[in-house]
Amino acid sequence: MSSAAQAAFDSADGPHFPVVDPDDLAEHYWNMYTKRDRVEQFHPESLTPQATA
């Protein structure tokens, strides 16, 4: 049994969402926790919103 969200994710013509490796994501979280130099980080970087002027 599949959810509507999973069906949209799996659909060839539906929305496309980035998929990241959990180990890679965990490393980003760990770096943010230990360095404490930022409160958020977009991952993957291609999802970073562009500033509007």
C-alpha atoms as a PDB file:
ATOM      1  CA  MET A   1       0.000   0.000   0.000  1.00  0.00           C
ATOM      2  CA  SER A   2       1.433   3.359  -1.048  1.00  0.00           C
ATOM      3  CA  SER A   3       0.609   6.889   0.051  1.00  0.00           C
ATOM      4  CA  ALA A   4      -0.398   9.715  -2.279  1.00  0.00           C
ATOM      5  CA  ALA A   5       2.919  11.420  -1.548  1.00  0.00           C
ATOM      6  CA  GLN A   6       4.839   8.284  -2.505  1.00  0.00           C
ATOM      7  CA  ALA A   7       2.793   7.948  -5.691  1.00  0.00           C
ATOM      8  CA  ALA A   8       3.621  11.569  -6.638  1.00  0.00           C
ATOM      9  CA  PHE A   9       7.260  10.940  -5.858  1.00  0.00           C
ATOM     10  CA  ASP A  10       7.393   7.793  -7.988  1.00  0.00           C
ATOM     11  CA  SER A  11       5.403   9.244 -10.885  1.00  0.00           C
ATOM     12  CA  ALA A  12       7.483   9.790 -14.016  1.00  0.00           C
ATOM     13  CA  ASP A  13       5.547  12.911 -14.997  1.00  0.00           C
ATOM     14  CA  GLY A  14       4.853  14.229 -11.486  1.00  0.00           C
ATOM     15  CA  PRO A  15       6.923  16.518  -9.315  1.00  0.00           C
ATOM     16  CA  HIS A  16      10.590  15.695  -8.914  1.00  0.00           C
ATOM     17  CA  PHE A  17      12.146  15.959  -5.475  1.00  0.00           C
ATOM     18  CA  PRO A  18      15.846  15.819  -4.682  1.00  0.00           C
ATOM     19  CA  VAL A  19      16.958  12.699  -2.846  1.00  0.00           C
ATOM     20  CA  VAL A  20      20.002  12.916  -0.612  1.00  0.00           C
ATOM     21  CA  ASP A  21      22.105  10.246   0.997  1.00  0.00           C
ATOM     22  CA  PRO A  22      21.200  10.017   4.718  1.00  0.00           C
ATOM     23  CA  ASP A  23      24.883   9.769   5.683  1.00  0.00           C
ATOM     24  CA  ASP A  24      25.627  12.969   3.759  1.00  0.00           C
ATOM     25  CA  LEU A  25      22.721  14.754   5.432  1.00  0.00           C
ATOM     26  CA  ALA A  26      23.828  13.516   8.868  1.00  0.00           C
ATOM     27  CA  GLU A  27      27.299  14.925   8.239  1.00  0.00           C
ATOM     28  CA  HIS A  28      25.818  18.358   7.489  1.00  0.00           C
ATOM     29  CA  TYR A  29      23.745  18.246  10.683  1.00  0.00           C
ATOM     30  CA  TRP A  30      26.758  17.153  12.720  1.00  0.00           C
ATOM     31  CA  ASN A  31      28.906  19.968  11.322  1.00  0.00           C
ATOM     32  CA  MET A  32      26.200  22.512  12.101  1.00  0.00           C
ATOM     33  CA  TYR A  33      25.906  21.133  15.653  1.00  0.00           C
ATOM     34  CA  THR A  34      29.627  21.051  16.393  1.00  0.00           C
ATOM     35  CA  LYS A  35      30.735  24.258  14.634  1.00  0.00           C
ATOM     36  CA  ARG A  36      27.676  26.316  15.636  1.00  0.00           C
ATOM     37  CA  ASP A  37      28.426  28.818  12.864  1.00  0.00           C
ATOM     38  CA  ARG A  38      24.959  28.847  11.233  1.00  0.00           C
ATOM     39  CA  VAL A  39      21.371  27.995  12.110  1.00  0.00           C
ATOM     40  CA  GLU A  40      20.356  26.527   8.770  1.00  0.00           C
ATOM     41  CA  GLN A  41      21.866  25.169   5.599  1.00  0.00           C
ATOM     42  CA  PHE A  42      20.187  24.237   2.344  1.00  0.00           C
ATOM     43  CA  HIS A  43      21.045  20.807   1.052  1.00  0.00           C
ATOM     44  CA  PRO A  44      21.627  20.181  -1.731  1.00  0.00           C
ATOM     45  CA  GLU A  45      23.038  23.619  -2.436  1.00  0.00           C
ATOM     46  CA  SER A  46      21.005  23.855  -5.639  1.00  0.00           C
ATOM     47  CA  LEU A  47      17.914  24.382  -3.439  1.00  0.00           C
ATOM     48  CA  THR A  48      19.272  27.630  -1.995  1.00  0.00           C
ATOM     49  CA  PRO A  49      16.661  30.346  -2.589  1.00  0.00           C
ATOM     50  CA  GLN A  50      17.770  33.285  -4.695  1.00  0.00           C
ATOM     51  CA  ALA A  51      17.598  36.732  -3.140  1.00  0.00           C
ATOM     52  CA  THR A  52      15.115  39.090  -4.758  1.00  0.00           C
ATOM     53  CA  ALA A  53      16.075  42.696  -5.213  1.00  0.00           C
END
